[in-house]
Amino acid sequence: MKVGKGGTSGAHPGLRIDRKRLDKAVAGLRGHVTFGAMLRGYTSFKIGGPADVLVEPADIDDVCRLLAQASATKLPLFVIGGTNLLIRDGGIRGIVVSLSKLRTIREEAGAVLYAEGGVGMPTLIGYAIRRSLAGLEWAAGIPGTVGGCLVMNAGTRLGEMKDSIKAVRIVTAKGDVRDLSAASIRFDYRRAHLPKGIVVGVWLQLRPGIRAEIARIVKDYLHYRKDTQPLAMPSAGCVFKNPPRDSAGRLLEAAGLKGMRIGDAEVSTKHGNFIVNRGQASAADVIGLIQKVRRMIKRKTGVRLDLELKIVGEA
């Protein structure tokens, strides 16, 4: 086990859970363990307070050990890796898991790719293009990990994660490896209904294609997203779900809310359904802006905007 800064034998000042329980939960792990790690560097929003302990397992066996020990110590566990996430300024209690070391990709027979949960979607798309495999073009510009995109059923106007899934490998809450067929998983808008545990791998059913054509579609859609969305600034993607027969971005633009700010949190001037971090935004700034926007849209249009963004942690 590699212990990062803050991982001393005494209590860390940011810890809210007994250090002895945390030590038991991470004992014997071969990956990286950091007590009191700030989480802002692990989110696309670049916002987030400390974790009691952040674990980056070395491999799937390490994930199994961690979940078994977390279950035995009855400690809460949270996995980061998606993009539609805001971590509050007080951080997350218990164990936070990053699958950043689970980066294996391999091609299997029948135009199938297997990717571990920590593989970034841009990396996976590049791998598919090099092997002339089509079916992931819809994900161009999505910065999250394979595991995170599966859990949230990430998508764009061209498609969503469920369209590509053949099977999923999870480590259960007890530390056992279990493979699930796509047919056994219920997918909703921005959500996959999965057993409790951690997604450590996915099999994606793609199709043979022409490399140059696949690359062109990805490039064109990436240009479209860059032209219409603030991809160059820290954000968590779309904040609100689209109401029936309308779009949240259109509502915010029509209400004149683009550019509205609280602190360094701003409703994007490029796309009304994005809130961007202009540098030093806190989670409190973002939440305050969300609340203000919802009140104004409700007052102006009668529409109640529901969150697509997931907010976790303590204030």
Protein backbone atom coordinates (compact mmCIF):
# COMPACT_ATOMS: atom_id res chain seq x y z
CA MET A 1 0.00 0.00 0.00
CA LYS A 2 1.37 3.40 -0.99
CA VAL A 3 0.30 6.10 1.46
CA GLY A 4 0.08 9.60 0.10
CA LYS A 5 0.57 12.92 1.84
CA GLY A 6 -1.56 13.21 4.93
CA GLY A 7 -1.32 9.45 5.55
CA THR A 8 0.34 9.53 8.96
CA SER A 9 -0.16 7.17 11.86
CA GLY A 10 -2.04 9.76 13.89
CA ALA A 11 -5.44 11.33 13.22
CA HIS A 12 -5.60 13.66 10.26
CA PRO A 13 -7.31 16.97 11.16
CA GLY A 14 -9.80 16.56 8.27
CA LEU A 15 -10.99 13.08 9.26
CA ARG A 16 -14.55 12.66 10.56
CA ILE A 17 -14.43 8.86 10.93
CA ASP A 18 -12.25 6.96 13.40
CA ARG A 19 -8.80 6.45 11.85
CA LYS A 20 -8.52 2.87 13.13
CA ARG A 21 -11.60 1.84 11.12
CA LEU A 22 -10.20 3.52 8.03
CA ASP A 23 -6.84 1.78 8.50
CA LYS A 24 -8.58 -1.60 8.70
CA ALA A 25 -10.55 -0.90 5.54
CA VAL A 26 -7.46 -0.08 3.47
CA ALA A 27 -5.01 -2.55 5.06
CA GLY A 28 -2.97 -4.59 2.59
CA LEU A 29 -4.02 -2.70 -0.54
CA ARG A 30 -1.38 -2.41 -3.25
CA GLY A 31 -2.75 0.76 -4.76
CA HIS A 32 -2.40 4.37 -3.65
CA VAL A 33 -4.06 5.51 -0.41
CA THR A 34 -4.28 9.17 0.62
CA PHE A 35 -5.86 10.37 3.85
CA GLY A 36 -7.52 13.80 3.71
CA ALA A 37 -7.11 14.07 -0.08
CA MET A 38 -8.76 17.07 -1.69
CA LEU A 39 -11.17 15.87 -4.35
CA ARG A 40 -11.28 18.90 -6.63
CA GLY A 41 -8.56 17.38 -8.80
CA TYR A 42 -10.67 14.28 -9.40
CA THR A 43 -13.78 15.99 -10.82
CA SER A 44 -14.44 17.72 -14.13
CA PHE A 45 -15.83 20.69 -12.14
CA LYS A 46 -12.50 21.13 -10.28
CA ILE A 47 -14.53 21.59 -7.11
CA GLY A 48 -14.71 19.44 -3.98
CA GLY A 49 -13.62 19.19 -0.36
CA PRO A 50 -11.59 16.41 1.28
CA ALA A 51 -12.15 12.68 1.42
CA ASP A 52 -11.51 10.94 4.72
CA VAL A 53 -9.46 8.56 2.61
CA LEU A 54 -9.02 8.34 -1.17
CA VAL A 55 -8.11 4.92 -2.59
CA GLU A 56 -6.79 4.20 -6.09
CA PRO A 57 -6.79 0.39 -6.28
CA ALA A 58 -3.97 -1.25 -8.21
CA ASP A 59 -6.25 -3.69 -10.06
CA ILE A 60 -9.54 -5.57 -9.80
CA ASP A 61 -8.18 -7.86 -7.07
CA ASP A 62 -7.40 -4.74 -5.05
CA VAL A 63 -10.98 -3.54 -5.57
CA CYS A 64 -12.27 -6.90 -4.28
CA ARG A 65 -10.14 -6.63 -1.14
CA LEU A 66 -11.18 -3.03 -0.54
CA LEU A 67 -14.91 -3.74 -0.81
CA ALA A 68 -14.71 -6.80 1.42
CA GLN A 69 -12.84 -4.81 4.08
CA ALA A 70 -15.10 -1.77 3.74
CA SER A 71 -18.11 -4.05 4.21
CA ALA A 72 -16.53 -5.65 7.29
CA THR A 73 -15.81 -2.25 8.87
CA LYS A 74 -19.23 -0.87 7.79
CA LEU A 75 -17.68 2.20 6.24
CA PRO A 76 -19.44 4.22 3.52
CA LEU A 77 -17.84 4.08 0.08
CA PHE A 78 -18.24 6.37 -2.92
CA VAL A 79 -16.78 5.98 -6.42
CA ILE A 80 -15.81 9.00 -8.50
CA GLY A 81 -15.40 8.87 -12.26
CA GLY A 82 -18.44 10.41 -13.92
CA THR A 83 -18.77 14.00 -15.05
CA ASN A 84 -22.23 14.99 -13.79
CA LEU A 85 -20.95 15.39 -10.23
CA LEU A 86 -20.59 18.21 -7.73
CA ILE A 87 -18.82 17.45 -4.45
CA ARG A 88 -19.72 19.81 -1.63
CA ASP A 89 -17.04 21.86 0.10
CA GLY A 90 -17.07 19.71 3.24
CA GLY A 91 -16.01 16.70 1.22
CA ILE A 92 -17.06 13.05 1.50
CA ARG A 93 -16.98 10.92 4.62
CA GLY A 94 -15.59 7.41 4.56
CA ILE A 95 -13.80 5.90 1.55
CA VAL A 96 -13.66 7.53 -1.87
CA VAL A 97 -12.51 5.32 -4.73
CA SER A 98 -10.87 6.37 -7.99
CA LEU A 99 -10.38 3.67 -10.62
CA SER A 100 -7.64 5.66 -12.35
CA LYS A 101 -5.27 2.65 -12.35
CA LEU A 102 -7.79 0.31 -14.03
CA ARG A 103 -6.92 1.24 -17.61
CA THR A 104 -6.79 -2.03 -19.54
CA ILE A 105 -8.41 -2.14 -23.01
CA ARG A 106 -8.47 -5.18 -25.25
CA GLU A 107 -10.19 -6.22 -28.47
CA GLU A 108 -12.16 -9.46 -28.48
CA ALA A 109 -13.77 -11.45 -31.26
CA GLY A 110 -16.87 -10.11 -32.95
CA ALA A 111 -16.02 -6.38 -32.85
CA VAL A 112 -16.13 -6.33 -29.04
CA LEU A 113 -13.97 -4.13 -26.84
CA TYR A 114 -13.39 -4.82 -23.15
CA ALA A 115 -12.42 -1.75 -21.12
CA GLU A 116 -11.73 -1.50 -17.41
CA GLY A 117 -13.71 1.01 -15.40
CA GLY A 118 -10.97 3.63 -15.15
CA VAL A 119 -10.42 4.01 -18.89
CA GLY A 120 -11.23 7.52 -20.09
CA MET A 121 -13.86 7.76 -22.81
CA PRO A 122 -11.57 9.81 -25.11
CA THR A 123 -8.93 7.06 -24.79
CA LEU A 124 -11.49 4.38 -25.58
CA ILE A 125 -12.77 6.24 -28.64
CA GLY A 126 -9.21 6.62 -29.93
CA TYR A 127 -8.62 2.89 -29.43
CA ALA A 128 -11.80 2.05 -31.36
CA ILE A 129 -10.87 4.35 -34.24
CA ARG A 130 -7.42 2.78 -34.59
CA ARG A 131 -9.11 -0.63 -34.92
CA SER A 132 -11.76 0.63 -37.36
CA LEU A 133 -14.60 -0.09 -34.91
CA ALA A 134 -17.72 2.10 -35.07
CA GLY A 135 -20.37 2.66 -32.42
CA LEU A 136 -18.84 5.09 -29.94
CA GLU A 137 -19.00 8.24 -32.06
CA TRP A 138 -21.83 9.56 -29.87
CA ALA A 139 -19.40 9.89 -26.94
CA ALA A 140 -17.07 12.40 -28.60
CA GLY A 141 -16.27 15.13 -26.09
CA ILE A 142 -17.40 13.21 -22.99
CA PRO A 143 -14.49 13.37 -20.51
CA GLY A 144 -15.64 10.77 -17.96
CA THR A 145 -14.46 7.22 -17.35
CA VAL A 146 -16.02 4.08 -18.78
CA GLY A 147 -17.33 3.04 -15.35
CA GLY A 148 -18.75 6.46 -14.57
CA CYS A 149 -20.41 6.76 -17.97
CA LEU A 150 -21.99 3.34 -17.54
CA VAL A 151 -23.39 4.13 -14.10
CA MET A 152 -24.94 7.40 -15.28
CA ASN A 153 -25.84 6.05 -18.75
CA ALA A 154 -24.06 9.03 -20.25
CA GLY A 155 -25.28 10.23 -23.60
CA THR A 156 -25.51 12.91 -26.23
CA ARG A 157 -27.98 13.66 -29.02
CA LEU A 158 -26.31 10.88 -31.07
CA GLY A 159 -26.78 8.09 -28.54
CA GLU A 160 -26.06 6.87 -25.03
CA MET A 161 -24.00 4.28 -23.19
CA LYS A 162 -26.70 1.61 -23.14
CA ASP A 163 -26.61 1.49 -26.94
CA SER A 164 -23.07 0.07 -26.84
CA ILE A 165 -23.10 -2.22 -23.79
CA LYS A 166 -22.87 -6.00 -24.20
CA ALA A 167 -22.01 -6.92 -20.60
CA VAL A 168 -20.73 -5.38 -17.38
CA ARG A 169 -18.28 -6.62 -14.75
CA ILE A 170 -18.87 -5.43 -11.19
CA VAL A 171 -17.31 -6.10 -7.82
CA THR A 172 -20.16 -6.56 -5.36
CA ALA A 173 -20.38 -4.91 -1.97
CA LYS A 174 -19.02 -8.14 -0.43
CA GLY A 175 -15.99 -8.15 -2.72
CA ASP A 176 -17.06 -10.76 -5.29
CA VAL A 177 -16.67 -10.39 -9.07
CA ARG A 178 -19.92 -10.69 -11.02
CA ASP A 179 -20.61 -10.37 -14.75
CA LEU A 180 -24.01 -9.07 -15.95
CA SER A 181 -25.44 -9.15 -19.45
CA ALA A 182 -26.78 -5.89 -20.84
CA ALA A 183 -30.22 -7.51 -21.06
CA SER A 184 -30.26 -7.97 -17.28
CA ILE A 185 -29.67 -4.25 -16.61
CA ARG A 186 -32.46 -1.67 -16.68
CA PHE A 187 -31.35 1.64 -18.16
CA ASP A 188 -33.20 4.91 -17.65
CA TYR A 189 -32.37 8.45 -18.69
CA ARG A 190 -28.91 9.08 -17.18
CA ARG A 191 -29.07 6.05 -14.91
CA ALA A 192 -28.24 2.35 -14.98
CA HIS A 193 -29.90 0.22 -12.32
CA LEU A 194 -27.09 -1.98 -11.02
CA PRO A 195 -26.48 -4.12 -7.94
CA LYS A 196 -24.58 -2.39 -5.17
CA GLY A 197 -20.88 -2.45 -5.91
CA ILE A 198 -18.30 -0.99 -8.30
CA VAL A 199 -18.23 -1.25 -12.10
CA VAL A 200 -14.71 -2.44 -12.92
CA GLY A 201 -15.16 -3.34 -16.58
CA VAL A 202 -17.52 -3.26 -19.55
CA TRP A 203 -17.81 -5.15 -22.81
CA LEU A 204 -18.90 -2.93 -25.69
CA GLN A 205 -20.50 -4.36 -28.81
CA LEU A 206 -19.25 -2.28 -31.72
CA ARG A 207 -19.23 -2.92 -35.48
CA PRO A 208 -16.57 -2.93 -38.19
CA GLY A 209 -16.31 0.33 -40.07
CA ILE A 210 -14.06 2.48 -42.21
CA ARG A 211 -11.43 4.16 -40.04
CA ALA A 212 -11.39 7.46 -41.90
CA GLU A 213 -15.20 7.71 -41.79
CA ILE A 214 -15.37 6.95 -38.06
CA ALA A 215 -12.66 9.53 -37.37
CA ARG A 216 -14.49 12.12 -39.49
CA ILE A 217 -17.78 11.65 -37.59
CA VAL A 218 -15.98 11.93 -34.24
CA LYS A 219 -14.09 15.03 -35.38
CA ASP A 220 -17.23 16.71 -36.76
CA TYR A 221 -19.27 16.02 -33.63
CA LEU A 222 -16.43 17.16 -31.38
CA HIS A 223 -16.27 20.42 -33.35
CA TYR A 224 -20.03 20.80 -32.99
CA ARG A 225 -19.82 20.30 -29.22
CA LYS A 226 -16.91 22.73 -28.91
CA ASP A 227 -18.91 25.31 -30.85
CA THR A 228 -22.05 24.92 -28.74
CA GLN A 229 -20.78 23.88 -25.28
CA PRO A 230 -18.10 25.30 -22.94
CA LEU A 231 -15.84 22.24 -23.17
CA ALA A 232 -12.71 24.30 -22.46
CA MET A 233 -13.92 25.34 -18.99
CA PRO A 234 -14.42 23.19 -15.87
CA SER A 235 -18.03 22.07 -15.61
CA ALA A 236 -20.10 18.98 -14.86
CA GLY A 237 -21.97 18.87 -18.14
CA CYS A 238 -25.69 19.61 -18.26
CA VAL A 239 -27.06 20.75 -14.91
CA PHE A 240 -30.80 20.25 -15.48
CA LYS A 241 -32.86 17.54 -17.14
CA ASN A 242 -34.75 18.71 -20.18
CA PRO A 243 -38.46 19.20 -19.41
CA PRO A 244 -40.97 17.44 -21.66
CA ARG A 245 -40.95 18.80 -25.24
CA ASP A 246 -38.48 21.55 -24.34
CA SER A 247 -34.85 22.08 -23.39
CA ALA A 248 -33.45 23.52 -20.18
CA GLY A 249 -30.81 25.43 -22.12
CA ARG A 250 -33.47 27.18 -24.21
CA LEU A 251 -35.45 28.13 -21.09
CA LEU A 252 -32.42 29.69 -19.42
CA GLU A 253 -31.41 31.56 -22.55
CA ALA A 254 -34.95 32.87 -23.12
CA ALA A 255 -35.05 34.05 -19.50
CA GLY A 256 -31.82 36.01 -20.01
CA LEU A 257 -29.89 33.98 -17.44
CA LYS A 258 -26.77 33.20 -19.47
CA GLY A 259 -23.80 34.90 -17.81
CA MET A 260 -25.42 35.06 -14.36
CA ARG A 261 -22.80 34.55 -11.65
CA ILE A 262 -22.38 33.81 -7.97
CA GLY A 263 -18.71 34.02 -7.07
CA ASP A 264 -16.79 32.17 -9.77
CA ALA A 265 -19.76 29.98 -10.69
CA GLU A 266 -21.39 31.17 -13.93
CA VAL A 267 -24.23 30.10 -16.18
CA SER A 268 -22.29 29.57 -19.39
CA THR A 269 -22.60 32.27 -22.03
CA LYS A 270 -22.23 29.52 -24.65
CA HIS A 271 -24.86 27.04 -23.38
CA GLY A 272 -27.51 27.89 -20.80
CA ASN A 273 -27.65 24.41 -19.28
CA PHE A 274 -23.99 24.46 -18.23
CA ILE A 275 -22.59 26.06 -15.10
CA VAL A 276 -18.85 26.68 -15.40
CA ASN A 277 -16.13 27.23 -12.83
CA ARG A 278 -14.31 30.41 -13.80
CA GLY A 279 -11.42 29.61 -11.49
CA GLN A 280 -12.15 29.50 -7.78
CA ALA A 281 -15.83 28.57 -7.58
CA SER A 282 -16.94 26.71 -4.47
CA ALA A 283 -19.68 24.12 -4.33
CA ALA A 284 -21.70 26.64 -2.30
CA ASP A 285 -21.42 29.10 -5.21
CA VAL A 286 -22.69 26.50 -7.68
CA ILE A 287 -25.55 25.38 -5.44
CA GLY A 288 -26.57 28.98 -4.78
CA LEU A 289 -26.62 29.66 -8.52
CA ILE A 290 -28.67 26.51 -9.18
CA GLN A 291 -31.23 27.55 -6.59
CA LYS A 292 -31.46 31.07 -8.02
CA VAL A 293 -31.90 29.78 -11.57
CA ARG A 294 -34.61 27.32 -10.54
CA ARG A 295 -36.55 30.03 -8.70
CA MET A 296 -36.37 32.41 -11.65
CA ILE A 297 -37.40 29.79 -14.23
CA LYS A 298 -40.29 28.66 -12.03
CA ARG A 299 -41.46 32.24 -11.61
CA LYS A 300 -41.10 33.16 -15.30
CA THR A 301 -42.38 29.98 -16.93
CA GLY A 302 -44.01 27.80 -14.28
CA VAL A 303 -41.56 25.00 -15.13
CA ARG A 304 -39.76 23.23 -12.29
CA LEU A 305 -36.31 22.19 -13.45
CA ASP A 306 -35.07 18.85 -12.13
CA LEU A 307 -31.37 18.24 -11.59
CA GLU A 308 -29.34 16.03 -13.89
CA LEU A 309 -26.29 17.00 -11.83
CA LYS A 310 -25.55 14.76 -8.85
CA ILE A 311 -24.61 16.63 -5.65
CA VAL A 312 -22.80 14.65 -2.95
CA GLY A 313 -20.86 15.23 0.25
CA GLU A 314 -21.19 17.58 3.20
CA ALA A 315 -21.54 21.35 3.23
